Amino acid sequence: MSKAILYACVVASLITGCKKKPEPAPALKAAPPVASAPKTPEEALREVNNVVLAYAMTSGKKLPPTLEDLVKQGVIRQLPPLPPGRKFVMDPKNGRVEIK
């Protein structure tokens, strides 16, 4: 009879040990609001184009009205610095950013 009790205890412990709840998947972390300061205008341009693309993807393919709206909405803290006399210009039709 003691073997039957021992067997029942082992089975019961196996059954209760197998009912672990799966851990939830870790939440996706948002990208930092601003990357490190780019060293060249080309890096700055690539960064701004990536931000516009990410904004469009997360807002259902909708482009920001202006680049300044990305700053106002807190998507990025500020536009990367450019040399004097240069500025970012976004094409409102396709969202492509250029330096003029």
N, C-alpha and C. Protein backbone atom coordinates (compact mmCIF):
# COMPACT_ATOMS: atom_id res chain seq x y z
N MET A 1 0.81 -1.19 0.00
CA MET A 1 0.00 0.00 0.00
C MET A 1 0.86 1.25 0.00
N SER A 2 2.02 1.22 0.64
CA SER A 2 2.88 2.38 0.71
C SER A 2 3.41 2.75 -0.67
N LYS A 3 3.59 1.76 -1.55
CA LYS A 3 4.00 2.06 -2.91
C LYS A 3 2.91 2.83 -3.65
N ALA A 4 1.68 2.49 -3.44
CA ALA A 4 0.57 3.18 -4.08
C ALA A 4 0.49 4.63 -3.61
N ILE A 5 0.71 4.87 -2.34
CA ILE A 5 0.68 6.23 -1.80
C ILE A 5 1.85 7.03 -2.36
N LEU A 6 3.03 6.41 -2.40
CA LEU A 6 4.21 7.08 -2.94
C LEU A 6 3.99 7.41 -4.42
N TYR A 7 3.44 6.47 -5.17
CA TYR A 7 3.15 6.69 -6.59
C TYR A 7 2.14 7.83 -6.75
N ALA A 8 1.11 7.88 -5.94
CA ALA A 8 0.11 8.93 -6.03
C ALA A 8 0.71 10.29 -5.71
N CYS A 9 1.62 10.35 -4.73
CA CYS A 9 2.27 11.62 -4.39
C CYS A 9 3.16 12.11 -5.53
N VAL A 10 3.90 11.20 -6.16
CA VAL A 10 4.77 11.57 -7.27
C VAL A 10 3.93 12.10 -8.43
N VAL A 11 2.86 11.40 -8.79
CA VAL A 11 1.99 11.83 -9.89
C VAL A 11 1.36 13.19 -9.57
N ALA A 12 0.91 13.38 -8.35
CA ALA A 12 0.29 14.64 -7.96
C ALA A 12 1.28 15.79 -8.03
N SER A 13 2.53 15.55 -7.61
CA SER A 13 3.51 16.62 -7.66
C SER A 13 3.89 16.94 -9.10
N LEU A 14 3.93 15.93 -9.96
CA LEU A 14 4.22 16.18 -11.38
C LEU A 14 3.10 16.98 -12.04
N ILE A 15 1.89 16.64 -11.72
CA ILE A 15 0.74 17.32 -12.33
C ILE A 15 0.68 18.78 -11.88
N THR A 16 0.87 19.03 -10.60
CA THR A 16 0.80 20.41 -10.11
C THR A 16 2.01 21.22 -10.56
N GLY A 17 3.15 20.59 -10.75
CA GLY A 17 4.34 21.30 -11.22
C GLY A 17 4.26 21.67 -12.68
N CYS A 18 3.44 20.99 -13.46
CA CYS A 18 3.34 21.25 -14.89
C CYS A 18 2.35 22.36 -15.22
N LYS A 19 1.71 22.91 -14.24
CA LYS A 19 0.71 23.94 -14.50
C LYS A 19 1.28 25.35 -14.37
N LYS A 20 2.56 25.51 -14.74
CA LYS A 20 3.15 26.84 -14.69
C LYS A 20 2.53 27.71 -15.77
N LYS A 21 2.28 28.93 -15.40
CA LYS A 21 1.76 29.87 -16.38
C LYS A 21 2.92 30.41 -17.21
N PRO A 22 2.75 30.47 -18.52
CA PRO A 22 3.84 31.01 -19.33
C PRO A 22 4.03 32.50 -19.05
N GLU A 23 5.29 32.91 -19.07
CA GLU A 23 5.58 34.32 -18.84
C GLU A 23 5.16 35.12 -20.06
N PRO A 24 4.58 36.30 -19.85
CA PRO A 24 4.20 37.11 -20.99
C PRO A 24 5.44 37.59 -21.75
N ALA A 25 5.27 37.78 -23.04
CA ALA A 25 6.37 38.26 -23.87
C ALA A 25 6.75 39.67 -23.41
N PRO A 26 8.03 39.97 -23.43
CA PRO A 26 8.43 41.31 -22.99
C PRO A 26 7.88 42.36 -23.95
N ALA A 27 7.49 43.49 -23.40
CA ALA A 27 6.94 44.57 -24.21
C ALA A 27 8.05 45.18 -25.06
N LEU A 28 7.69 45.60 -26.24
CA LEU A 28 8.65 46.26 -27.11
C LEU A 28 8.96 47.63 -26.55
N LYS A 29 10.21 47.97 -26.54
CA LYS A 29 10.62 49.27 -26.03
C LYS A 29 10.59 50.27 -27.17
N ALA A 30 10.15 51.47 -26.86
CA ALA A 30 10.14 52.53 -27.85
C ALA A 30 11.57 52.98 -28.11
N ALA A 31 11.79 53.43 -29.31
CA ALA A 31 13.10 53.96 -29.66
C ALA A 31 13.37 55.22 -28.85
N PRO A 32 14.63 55.47 -28.55
CA PRO A 32 14.92 56.71 -27.82
C PRO A 32 14.50 57.92 -28.64
N PRO A 33 14.05 58.99 -27.98
CA PRO A 33 13.52 60.13 -28.71
C PRO A 33 14.54 60.85 -29.58
N VAL A 34 15.81 60.69 -29.28
CA VAL A 34 16.82 61.32 -30.13
C VAL A 34 18.08 60.47 -30.06
N ALA A 35 18.71 60.30 -31.20
CA ALA A 35 19.95 59.54 -31.24
C ALA A 35 21.12 60.47 -30.92
N SER A 36 22.28 59.89 -30.85
CA SER A 36 23.44 60.74 -30.60
C SER A 36 23.61 61.71 -31.77
N ALA A 37 24.23 62.83 -31.50
CA ALA A 37 24.37 63.87 -32.50
C ALA A 37 25.16 63.35 -33.70
N PRO A 38 24.58 63.44 -34.90
CA PRO A 38 25.29 62.98 -36.09
C PRO A 38 26.53 63.84 -36.34
N LYS A 39 27.52 63.24 -36.96
CA LYS A 39 28.76 63.95 -37.19
C LYS A 39 28.79 64.63 -38.56
N THR A 40 28.02 64.13 -39.50
CA THR A 40 28.03 64.70 -40.84
C THR A 40 26.59 65.03 -41.26
N PRO A 41 26.42 65.93 -42.24
CA PRO A 41 25.07 66.20 -42.76
C PRO A 41 24.41 64.94 -43.33
N GLU A 42 25.20 64.05 -43.91
CA GLU A 42 24.63 62.81 -44.47
C GLU A 42 24.06 61.92 -43.37
N GLU A 43 24.75 61.86 -42.23
CA GLU A 43 24.23 61.08 -41.11
C GLU A 43 22.97 61.73 -40.54
N ALA A 44 22.97 63.05 -40.48
CA ALA A 44 21.79 63.77 -40.00
C ALA A 44 20.61 63.52 -40.93
N LEU A 45 20.85 63.55 -42.22
CA LEU A 45 19.79 63.31 -43.20
C LEU A 45 19.24 61.90 -43.06
N ARG A 46 20.13 60.93 -42.90
CA ARG A 46 19.69 59.54 -42.75
C ARG A 46 18.84 59.38 -41.48
N GLU A 47 19.26 60.05 -40.40
CA GLU A 47 18.51 59.97 -39.14
C GLU A 47 17.11 60.57 -39.30
N VAL A 48 17.02 61.74 -39.93
CA VAL A 48 15.71 62.39 -40.09
C VAL A 48 14.82 61.56 -41.01
N ASN A 49 15.37 61.01 -42.09
CA ASN A 49 14.56 60.16 -42.97
C ASN A 49 14.08 58.92 -42.23
N ASN A 50 14.90 58.34 -41.36
CA ASN A 50 14.48 57.18 -40.57
C ASN A 50 13.36 57.54 -39.60
N VAL A 51 13.44 58.72 -38.99
CA VAL A 51 12.39 59.16 -38.07
C VAL A 51 11.07 59.36 -38.83
N VAL A 52 11.13 59.98 -40.01
CA VAL A 52 9.92 60.19 -40.80
C VAL A 52 9.32 58.84 -41.21
N LEU A 53 10.16 57.90 -41.62
CA LEU A 53 9.68 56.57 -42.00
C LEU A 53 9.04 55.85 -40.82
N ALA A 54 9.70 55.90 -39.66
CA ALA A 54 9.13 55.26 -38.46
C ALA A 54 7.81 55.90 -38.07
N TYR A 55 7.72 57.22 -38.17
CA TYR A 55 6.48 57.93 -37.86
C TYR A 55 5.37 57.46 -38.80
N ALA A 56 5.68 57.38 -40.09
CA ALA A 56 4.67 56.95 -41.06
C ALA A 56 4.22 55.52 -40.80
N MET A 57 5.14 54.65 -40.42
CA MET A 57 4.78 53.25 -40.17
C MET A 57 3.92 53.11 -38.92
N THR A 58 4.20 53.90 -37.89
CA THR A 58 3.43 53.78 -36.65
C THR A 58 2.13 54.56 -36.68
N SER A 59 1.98 55.47 -37.63
CA SER A 59 0.75 56.25 -37.70
C SER A 59 -0.12 55.83 -38.88
N GLY A 60 0.09 54.62 -39.37
CA GLY A 60 -0.75 54.11 -40.45
C GLY A 60 -0.45 54.75 -41.80
N LYS A 61 0.83 54.87 -42.13
CA LYS A 61 1.28 55.42 -43.41
C LYS A 61 0.98 56.90 -43.58
N LYS A 62 0.75 57.58 -42.49
CA LYS A 62 0.49 59.02 -42.55
C LYS A 62 1.79 59.77 -42.28
N LEU A 63 2.11 60.69 -43.15
CA LEU A 63 3.33 61.49 -42.99
C LEU A 63 3.07 62.66 -42.04
N PRO A 64 4.11 63.10 -41.35
CA PRO A 64 3.93 64.29 -40.51
C PRO A 64 3.71 65.50 -41.42
N PRO A 65 2.86 66.44 -41.01
CA PRO A 65 2.65 67.63 -41.85
C PRO A 65 3.94 68.39 -42.12
N THR A 66 4.78 68.53 -41.09
CA THR A 66 6.08 69.19 -41.23
C THR A 66 7.08 68.48 -40.33
N LEU A 67 8.35 68.73 -40.56
CA LEU A 67 9.37 68.16 -39.68
C LEU A 67 9.28 68.74 -38.28
N GLU A 68 8.89 69.99 -38.19
CA GLU A 68 8.75 70.62 -36.88
C GLU A 68 7.67 69.95 -36.04
N ASP A 69 6.67 69.35 -36.72
CA ASP A 69 5.62 68.64 -35.99
C ASP A 69 6.18 67.41 -35.26
N LEU A 70 7.25 66.81 -35.79
CA LEU A 70 7.88 65.69 -35.10
C LEU A 70 8.45 66.14 -33.75
N VAL A 71 8.96 67.35 -33.72
CA VAL A 71 9.49 67.90 -32.48
C VAL A 71 8.33 68.27 -31.55
N LYS A 72 7.31 68.95 -32.09
CA LYS A 72 6.16 69.37 -31.27
C LYS A 72 5.45 68.17 -30.64
N GLN A 73 5.38 67.06 -31.37
CA GLN A 73 4.69 65.87 -30.87
C GLN A 73 5.58 65.01 -29.98
N GLY A 74 6.83 65.40 -29.83
CA GLY A 74 7.73 64.65 -28.96
C GLY A 74 8.32 63.40 -29.58
N VAL A 75 8.22 63.27 -30.90
CA VAL A 75 8.81 62.10 -31.57
C VAL A 75 10.33 62.18 -31.46
N ILE A 76 10.89 63.37 -31.66
CA ILE A 76 12.30 63.64 -31.44
C ILE A 76 12.40 64.95 -30.65
N ARG A 77 13.50 65.11 -29.91
CA ARG A 77 13.66 66.33 -29.12
C ARG A 77 13.94 67.53 -30.00
N GLN A 78 14.75 67.33 -31.02
CA GLN A 78 15.09 68.42 -31.93
C GLN A 78 15.63 67.82 -33.22
N LEU A 79 15.60 68.60 -34.27
CA LEU A 79 16.21 68.16 -35.51
C LEU A 79 17.72 68.25 -35.35
N PRO A 80 18.45 67.31 -35.95
CA PRO A 80 19.91 67.36 -35.83
C PRO A 80 20.46 68.66 -36.42
N PRO A 81 21.56 69.14 -35.86
CA PRO A 81 22.14 70.38 -36.37
C PRO A 81 22.75 70.19 -37.76
N LEU A 82 22.67 71.25 -38.53
CA LEU A 82 23.26 71.28 -39.88
C LEU A 82 24.20 72.47 -39.97
N PRO A 83 25.08 72.47 -40.96
CA PRO A 83 25.94 73.64 -41.14
C PRO A 83 25.10 74.89 -41.40
N PRO A 84 25.64 76.06 -41.09
CA PRO A 84 24.89 77.31 -41.31
C PRO A 84 24.45 77.44 -42.77
N GLY A 85 23.23 77.92 -42.94
CA GLY A 85 22.68 78.13 -44.27
C GLY A 85 22.04 76.89 -44.89
N ARG A 86 22.10 75.76 -44.21
CA ARG A 86 21.50 74.51 -44.71
C ARG A 86 20.28 74.19 -43.86
N LYS A 87 19.28 73.55 -44.45
CA LYS A 87 18.09 73.16 -43.70
C LYS A 87 17.50 71.89 -44.30
N PHE A 88 16.71 71.20 -43.47
CA PHE A 88 15.99 70.02 -43.93
C PHE A 88 14.72 70.46 -44.63
N VAL A 89 14.41 69.80 -45.76
CA VAL A 89 13.18 70.07 -46.49
C VAL A 89 12.54 68.72 -46.79
N MET A 90 11.26 68.57 -46.38
CA MET A 90 10.54 67.32 -46.61
C MET A 90 9.56 67.48 -47.75
N ASP A 91 9.57 66.51 -48.68
CA ASP A 91 8.58 66.48 -49.76
C ASP A 91 7.27 65.99 -49.15
N PRO A 92 6.21 66.80 -49.16
CA PRO A 92 4.95 66.39 -48.50
C PRO A 92 4.25 65.23 -49.20
N LYS A 93 4.61 64.94 -50.43
CA LYS A 93 3.95 63.85 -51.16
C LYS A 93 4.51 62.47 -50.77
N ASN A 94 5.83 62.38 -50.66
CA ASN A 94 6.41 61.05 -50.38
C ASN A 94 7.18 61.00 -49.06
N GLY A 95 7.35 62.13 -48.38
CA GLY A 95 8.00 62.15 -47.09
C GLY A 95 9.52 62.14 -47.15
N ARG A 96 10.08 62.14 -48.33
CA ARG A 96 11.53 62.12 -48.45
C ARG A 96 12.11 63.45 -48.00
N VAL A 97 13.14 63.38 -47.18
CA VAL A 97 13.78 64.58 -46.64
C VAL A 97 15.10 64.80 -47.37
N GLU A 98 15.35 66.06 -47.69
CA GLU A 98 16.60 66.47 -48.34
C GLU A 98 17.19 67.63 -47.57
N ILE A 99 18.46 67.89 -47.82
CA ILE A 99 19.12 69.06 -47.25
C ILE A 99 19.26 70.09 -48.36
N LYS A 100 18.77 71.28 -48.11
CA LYS A 100 18.86 72.36 -49.12
C LYS A 100 19.72 73.46 -48.57
